[in-house]
Amino acid sequence: TAVSRDVQIPANLSDILEALLEGPTAAESRFGLQSFLTGAKTRVMATVVGGIATVDFTANPVQVVGPDQTLAIAQVVYTATQQPGVTGVVFQIAGQRIEVPTAGGVQVPGPVDRASYLPQAPLP
């Protein structure tokens, strides 16, 4: 489910993704919304070159495996590609590029995009 967040203006992609890592509010949780990302102590630095966002987390924010891991990665991809000029995402942890699962069940080094996660697309 797509959810809006207030971020300080001017916001960059790093700020937006850090807001995502904060997870659902108490009210959203009561309505059943959840996140498979944890940002308690995780910071993110995002840069965009040629439409591809490199998202570098200080620690792995994905604390689940299997289908929930794919949902967590899709959350980041859909959030990043919602921003103007971002068409794909490459993931890093502490500066090291990592492979991520796609909806098709394969691990790829990226970049990944919305088409990689169509079954996980937010509901309109």
N, C-alpha and C. Protein backbone atom coordinates (compact mmCIF):
# COMPACT_ATOMS: atom_id res chain seq x y z
N THR A 1 0.84 -1.18 0.00
CA THR A 1 0.00 0.00 0.00
C THR A 1 0.88 1.23 0.00
N ALA A 2 0.62 2.13 -0.90
CA ALA A 2 1.37 3.38 -0.93
C ALA A 2 0.95 4.27 0.22
N VAL A 3 1.91 4.89 0.88
CA VAL A 3 1.66 5.78 2.00
C VAL A 3 2.51 7.02 1.81
N SER A 4 1.96 8.18 2.11
CA SER A 4 2.71 9.44 2.00
C SER A 4 3.45 9.72 3.30
N ARG A 5 4.59 10.36 3.18
CA ARG A 5 5.39 10.79 4.32
C ARG A 5 5.79 12.23 4.11
N ASP A 6 5.82 12.99 5.20
CA ASP A 6 6.34 14.35 5.16
C ASP A 6 7.84 14.28 5.38
N VAL A 7 8.58 14.92 4.49
CA VAL A 7 10.03 15.02 4.64
C VAL A 7 10.39 16.50 4.53
N GLN A 8 11.49 16.85 5.17
CA GLN A 8 11.93 18.22 5.16
C GLN A 8 12.34 18.64 3.75
N ILE A 9 11.90 19.80 3.33
CA ILE A 9 12.20 20.33 2.00
C ILE A 9 13.46 21.19 2.10
N PRO A 10 14.39 21.12 1.18
CA PRO A 10 14.39 20.24 0.03
C PRO A 10 14.85 18.84 0.45
N ALA A 11 14.14 17.85 0.00
CA ALA A 11 14.46 16.46 0.32
C ALA A 11 15.20 15.83 -0.84
N ASN A 12 16.17 15.01 -0.52
CA ASN A 12 16.84 14.24 -1.56
C ASN A 12 16.42 12.77 -1.41
N LEU A 13 16.89 11.93 -2.28
CA LEU A 13 16.48 10.53 -2.27
C LEU A 13 16.91 9.85 -0.97
N SER A 14 18.04 10.20 -0.42
CA SER A 14 18.47 9.63 0.86
C SER A 14 17.46 9.95 1.96
N ASP A 15 17.01 11.21 2.02
CA ASP A 15 16.01 11.61 3.03
C ASP A 15 14.71 10.83 2.86
N ILE A 16 14.29 10.66 1.63
CA ILE A 16 13.03 9.96 1.35
C ILE A 16 13.13 8.50 1.76
N LEU A 17 14.26 7.86 1.45
CA LEU A 17 14.43 6.45 1.82
C LEU A 17 14.58 6.27 3.33
N GLU A 18 15.20 7.23 4.00
CA GLU A 18 15.28 7.14 5.46
C GLU A 18 13.89 7.25 6.07
N ALA A 19 13.02 8.06 5.49
CA ALA A 19 11.64 8.14 5.97
C ALA A 19 10.94 6.79 5.78
N LEU A 20 11.23 6.11 4.67
CA LEU A 20 10.66 4.78 4.43
C LEU A 20 11.12 3.81 5.52
N LEU A 21 12.39 3.89 5.91
CA LEU A 21 12.93 2.97 6.91
C LEU A 21 12.30 3.15 8.29
N GLU A 22 11.67 4.30 8.53
CA GLU A 22 11.01 4.53 9.81
C GLU A 22 9.81 3.61 10.01
N GLY A 23 9.28 3.08 8.91
CA GLY A 23 8.17 2.14 9.01
C GLY A 23 6.84 2.81 9.25
N PRO A 24 5.81 1.98 9.43
CA PRO A 24 4.47 2.52 9.61
C PRO A 24 4.31 3.22 10.96
N THR A 25 3.42 4.19 10.97
CA THR A 25 3.07 4.85 12.23
C THR A 25 2.21 3.90 13.06
N ALA A 26 1.98 4.27 14.30
CA ALA A 26 1.14 3.44 15.17
C ALA A 26 -0.27 3.29 14.58
N ALA A 27 -0.80 4.37 14.04
CA ALA A 27 -2.13 4.32 13.45
C ALA A 27 -2.15 3.41 12.22
N GLU A 28 -1.12 3.49 11.38
CA GLU A 28 -1.04 2.63 10.20
C GLU A 28 -0.92 1.16 10.61
N SER A 29 -0.16 0.90 11.65
CA SER A 29 -0.02 -0.47 12.14
C SER A 29 -1.36 -1.02 12.63
N ARG A 30 -2.14 -0.18 13.28
CA ARG A 30 -3.47 -0.63 13.75
C ARG A 30 -4.36 -1.02 12.58
N PHE A 31 -4.14 -0.41 11.42
CA PHE A 31 -4.92 -0.75 10.22
C PHE A 31 -4.31 -1.90 9.44
N GLY A 32 -3.26 -2.50 9.98
CA GLY A 32 -2.68 -3.68 9.36
C GLY A 32 -1.50 -3.44 8.44
N LEU A 33 -1.06 -2.20 8.30
CA LEU A 33 0.10 -1.94 7.45
C LEU A 33 1.36 -2.37 8.17
N GLN A 34 2.27 -2.95 7.42
CA GLN A 34 3.55 -3.35 7.99
C GLN A 34 4.65 -3.13 6.97
N SER A 35 5.87 -3.14 7.47
CA SER A 35 7.04 -3.00 6.61
C SER A 35 7.99 -4.13 6.93
N PHE A 36 8.71 -4.59 5.93
CA PHE A 36 9.71 -5.62 6.13
C PHE A 36 11.11 -5.01 6.12
N LEU A 37 11.16 -3.71 6.37
CA LEU A 37 12.42 -2.99 6.48
C LEU A 37 12.54 -2.50 7.92
N THR A 38 13.75 -2.43 8.41
CA THR A 38 13.98 -1.86 9.72
C THR A 38 15.06 -0.80 9.61
N GLY A 39 14.79 0.34 10.15
CA GLY A 39 15.75 1.43 10.04
C GLY A 39 16.20 1.96 11.37
N ALA A 40 16.05 1.16 12.43
CA ALA A 40 16.38 1.63 13.77
C ALA A 40 17.75 2.28 13.83
N LYS A 41 18.75 1.66 13.25
CA LYS A 41 20.10 2.22 13.28
C LYS A 41 20.72 2.25 11.89
N THR A 42 19.90 2.14 10.88
CA THR A 42 20.39 2.09 9.50
C THR A 42 20.30 3.46 8.86
N ARG A 43 21.35 3.87 8.22
CA ARG A 43 21.37 5.09 7.44
C ARG A 43 21.49 4.70 5.98
N VAL A 44 21.10 5.60 5.12
CA VAL A 44 21.16 5.31 3.68
C VAL A 44 21.70 6.52 2.94
N MET A 45 22.55 6.23 1.97
CA MET A 45 23.07 7.26 1.07
C MET A 45 22.68 6.84 -0.33
N ALA A 46 21.98 7.70 -1.02
CA ALA A 46 21.53 7.38 -2.37
C ALA A 46 22.08 8.41 -3.35
N THR A 47 22.58 7.90 -4.46
CA THR A 47 23.03 8.76 -5.55
C THR A 47 22.36 8.29 -6.83
N VAL A 48 22.14 9.21 -7.75
CA VAL A 48 21.49 8.86 -9.01
C VAL A 48 22.38 9.30 -10.16
N VAL A 49 22.69 8.34 -11.03
CA VAL A 49 23.48 8.62 -12.23
C VAL A 49 22.80 7.92 -13.40
N GLY A 50 22.44 8.69 -14.41
CA GLY A 50 21.82 8.11 -15.60
C GLY A 50 20.52 7.39 -15.31
N GLY A 51 19.77 7.86 -14.33
CA GLY A 51 18.48 7.26 -13.99
C GLY A 51 18.57 6.10 -13.02
N ILE A 52 19.78 5.64 -12.70
CA ILE A 52 19.95 4.52 -11.79
C ILE A 52 20.36 5.03 -10.41
N ALA A 53 19.56 4.71 -9.42
CA ALA A 53 19.87 5.08 -8.04
C ALA A 53 20.72 3.98 -7.41
N THR A 54 21.84 4.37 -6.87
CA THR A 54 22.63 3.45 -6.06
C THR A 54 22.26 3.75 -4.62
N VAL A 55 21.68 2.76 -3.96
CA VAL A 55 21.18 2.92 -2.60
C VAL A 55 22.12 2.12 -1.69
N ASP A 56 22.86 2.84 -0.86
CA ASP A 56 23.86 2.24 0.00
C ASP A 56 23.42 2.37 1.46
N PHE A 57 23.08 1.22 2.05
CA PHE A 57 22.66 1.17 3.46
C PHE A 57 23.88 0.91 4.34
N THR A 58 23.92 1.52 5.53
CA THR A 58 25.02 1.26 6.45
C THR A 58 24.93 -0.14 7.03
N ALA A 59 23.73 -0.68 7.11
CA ALA A 59 23.50 -2.06 7.58
C ALA A 59 22.31 -2.59 6.79
N ASN A 60 22.17 -3.89 6.75
CA ASN A 60 21.08 -4.48 5.99
C ASN A 60 19.73 -4.16 6.66
N PRO A 61 18.87 -3.40 5.98
CA PRO A 61 17.57 -3.06 6.56
C PRO A 61 16.54 -4.16 6.39
N VAL A 62 16.86 -5.19 5.61
CA VAL A 62 15.93 -6.28 5.34
C VAL A 62 16.20 -7.40 6.35
N GLN A 63 15.25 -7.60 7.25
CA GLN A 63 15.45 -8.55 8.33
C GLN A 63 14.57 -9.79 8.18
N VAL A 64 14.18 -10.09 6.95
CA VAL A 64 13.33 -11.25 6.66
C VAL A 64 13.90 -12.00 5.45
N VAL A 65 13.41 -13.20 5.22
CA VAL A 65 13.84 -13.99 4.06
C VAL A 65 12.60 -14.44 3.29
N GLY A 66 12.83 -15.04 2.14
CA GLY A 66 11.72 -15.56 1.33
C GLY A 66 10.90 -14.46 0.70
N PRO A 67 9.60 -14.71 0.53
CA PRO A 67 8.73 -13.74 -0.15
C PRO A 67 8.70 -12.37 0.54
N ASP A 68 8.85 -12.35 1.86
CA ASP A 68 8.85 -11.07 2.57
C ASP A 68 10.09 -10.24 2.21
N GLN A 69 11.19 -10.90 1.92
CA GLN A 69 12.40 -10.20 1.50
C GLN A 69 12.15 -9.49 0.16
N THR A 70 11.46 -10.16 -0.73
CA THR A 70 11.13 -9.55 -2.01
C THR A 70 10.23 -8.34 -1.81
N LEU A 71 9.29 -8.43 -0.88
CA LEU A 71 8.43 -7.28 -0.58
C LEU A 71 9.25 -6.10 -0.06
N ALA A 72 10.22 -6.39 0.79
CA ALA A 72 11.05 -5.33 1.35
C ALA A 72 11.85 -4.62 0.25
N ILE A 73 12.44 -5.40 -0.64
CA ILE A 73 13.20 -4.81 -1.74
C ILE A 73 12.26 -4.00 -2.64
N ALA A 74 11.07 -4.53 -2.90
CA ALA A 74 10.09 -3.82 -3.73
C ALA A 74 9.70 -2.49 -3.10
N GLN A 75 9.60 -2.43 -1.77
CA GLN A 75 9.29 -1.16 -1.10
C GLN A 75 10.33 -0.10 -1.47
N VAL A 76 11.59 -0.47 -1.43
CA VAL A 76 12.66 0.48 -1.75
C VAL A 76 12.59 0.86 -3.23
N VAL A 77 12.40 -0.12 -4.11
CA VAL A 77 12.37 0.15 -5.55
C VAL A 77 11.20 1.07 -5.90
N TYR A 78 10.02 0.77 -5.39
CA TYR A 78 8.86 1.62 -5.72
C TYR A 78 9.01 3.02 -5.15
N THR A 79 9.60 3.15 -3.96
CA THR A 79 9.81 4.47 -3.37
C THR A 79 10.83 5.26 -4.19
N ALA A 80 11.95 4.62 -4.51
CA ALA A 80 13.00 5.33 -5.26
C ALA A 80 12.53 5.72 -6.65
N THR A 81 11.86 4.80 -7.34
CA THR A 81 11.46 5.09 -8.73
C THR A 81 10.24 6.00 -8.81
N GLN A 82 9.66 6.33 -7.69
CA GLN A 82 8.59 7.34 -7.65
C GLN A 82 9.19 8.73 -7.85
N GLN A 83 10.48 8.86 -7.61
CA GLN A 83 11.14 10.16 -7.70
C GLN A 83 11.50 10.47 -9.14
N PRO A 84 11.40 11.74 -9.53
CA PRO A 84 11.70 12.12 -10.92
C PRO A 84 13.11 11.70 -11.33
N GLY A 85 13.22 11.12 -12.50
CA GLY A 85 14.50 10.77 -13.06
C GLY A 85 15.08 9.44 -12.61
N VAL A 86 14.41 8.74 -11.68
CA VAL A 86 14.92 7.46 -11.20
C VAL A 86 14.15 6.34 -11.88
N THR A 87 14.87 5.50 -12.61
CA THR A 87 14.22 4.40 -13.33
C THR A 87 14.63 3.02 -12.83
N GLY A 88 15.71 2.94 -12.08
CA GLY A 88 16.18 1.66 -11.58
C GLY A 88 16.99 1.85 -10.30
N VAL A 89 17.26 0.72 -9.63
CA VAL A 89 17.95 0.77 -8.34
C VAL A 89 19.01 -0.33 -8.27
N VAL A 90 20.16 0.04 -7.75
CA VAL A 90 21.23 -0.89 -7.40
C VAL A 90 21.37 -0.80 -5.88
N PHE A 91 21.53 -1.95 -5.23
CA PHE A 91 21.62 -1.99 -3.78
C PHE A 91 23.05 -2.25 -3.31
N GLN A 92 23.43 -1.55 -2.25
CA GLN A 92 24.71 -1.77 -1.59
C GLN A 92 24.51 -1.81 -0.08
N ILE A 93 25.38 -2.54 0.59
CA ILE A 93 25.45 -2.50 2.04
C ILE A 93 26.89 -2.19 2.40
N ALA A 94 27.06 -1.08 3.12
CA ALA A 94 28.40 -0.62 3.52
C ALA A 94 29.34 -0.55 2.32
N GLY A 95 28.83 -0.04 1.21
CA GLY A 95 29.65 0.18 0.02
C GLY A 95 29.85 -1.03 -0.87
N GLN A 96 29.32 -2.18 -0.48
CA GLN A 96 29.48 -3.40 -1.27
C GLN A 96 28.17 -3.72 -2.00
N ARG A 97 28.26 -3.83 -3.31
CA ARG A 97 27.07 -4.17 -4.11
C ARG A 97 26.57 -5.56 -3.74
N ILE A 98 25.25 -5.69 -3.64
CA ILE A 98 24.64 -6.98 -3.29
C ILE A 98 23.63 -7.39 -4.34
N GLU A 99 23.36 -8.67 -4.39
CA GLU A 99 22.29 -9.18 -5.23
C GLU A 99 20.99 -9.12 -4.43
N VAL A 100 19.89 -8.91 -5.15
CA VAL A 100 18.58 -8.86 -4.51
C VAL A 100 17.62 -9.79 -5.24
N PRO A 101 16.62 -10.31 -4.53
CA PRO A 101 15.65 -11.17 -5.19
C PRO A 101 14.65 -10.35 -6.00
N THR A 102 14.21 -10.92 -7.11
CA THR A 102 13.15 -10.31 -7.91
C THR A 102 11.86 -11.11 -7.71
N ALA A 103 10.78 -10.59 -8.24
CA ALA A 103 9.50 -11.31 -8.13
C ALA A 103 9.57 -12.66 -8.80
N GLY A 104 10.43 -12.82 -9.80
CA GLY A 104 10.59 -14.09 -10.50
C GLY A 104 11.40 -15.11 -9.72
N GLY A 105 11.92 -14.73 -8.55
CA GLY A 105 12.63 -15.67 -7.69
C GLY A 105 14.12 -15.78 -7.95
N VAL A 106 14.67 -14.94 -8.83
CA VAL A 106 16.10 -14.99 -9.08
C VAL A 106 16.81 -13.86 -8.34
N GLN A 107 18.06 -14.10 -7.98
CA GLN A 107 18.89 -13.08 -7.36
C GLN A 107 19.65 -12.36 -8.46
N VAL A 108 19.60 -11.04 -8.46
CA VAL A 108 20.29 -10.26 -9.49
C VAL A 108 21.09 -9.14 -8.84
N PRO A 109 22.19 -8.73 -9.50
CA PRO A 109 22.99 -7.63 -8.96
C PRO A 109 22.39 -6.26 -9.27
N GLY A 110 21.32 -6.24 -10.06
CA GLY A 110 20.70 -4.98 -10.42
C GLY A 110 21.34 -4.40 -11.66
N PRO A 111 20.85 -3.30 -12.11
CA PRO A 111 19.74 -2.59 -11.49
C PRO A 111 18.40 -3.30 -11.66
N VAL A 112 17.53 -3.06 -10.68
CA VAL A 112 16.16 -3.57 -10.73
C VAL A 112 15.23 -2.38 -10.87
N ASP A 113 14.04 -2.65 -11.41
CA ASP A 113 13.07 -1.57 -11.60
C ASP A 113 11.68 -2.07 -11.23
N ARG A 114 10.69 -1.26 -11.47
CA ARG A 114 9.31 -1.63 -11.12
C ARG A 114 8.87 -2.91 -11.83
N ALA A 115 9.32 -3.11 -13.05
CA ALA A 115 8.94 -4.32 -13.79
C ALA A 115 9.47 -5.57 -13.10
N SER A 116 10.51 -5.44 -12.30
CA SER A 116 11.07 -6.57 -11.56
C SER A 116 10.17 -7.01 -10.41
N TYR A 117 9.18 -6.15 -10.06
CA TYR A 117 8.34 -6.40 -8.89
C TYR A 117 6.86 -6.11 -9.16
N LEU A 118 6.39 -6.44 -10.34
CA LEU A 118 4.99 -6.15 -10.66
C LEU A 118 4.00 -6.79 -9.69
N PRO A 119 4.20 -8.05 -9.24
CA PRO A 119 3.24 -8.63 -8.30
C PRO A 119 3.22 -7.90 -6.94
N GLN A 120 4.28 -7.17 -6.64
CA GLN A 120 4.36 -6.44 -5.36
C GLN A 120 3.96 -4.97 -5.50
N ALA A 121 3.45 -4.58 -6.64
CA ALA A 121 3.10 -3.17 -6.87
C ALA A 121 2.08 -2.70 -5.84
N PRO A 122 2.23 -1.46 -5.38
CA PRO A 122 1.23 -0.92 -4.44
C PRO A 122 -0.14 -0.89 -5.10
N LEU A 123 -1.14 -1.13 -4.29
CA LEU A 123 -2.52 -1.06 -4.79
C LEU A 123 -2.87 0.38 -5.09
N PRO A 124 -3.66 0.61 -6.15
CA PRO A 124 -4.03 2.00 -6.49
C PRO A 124 -4.94 2.62 -5.46
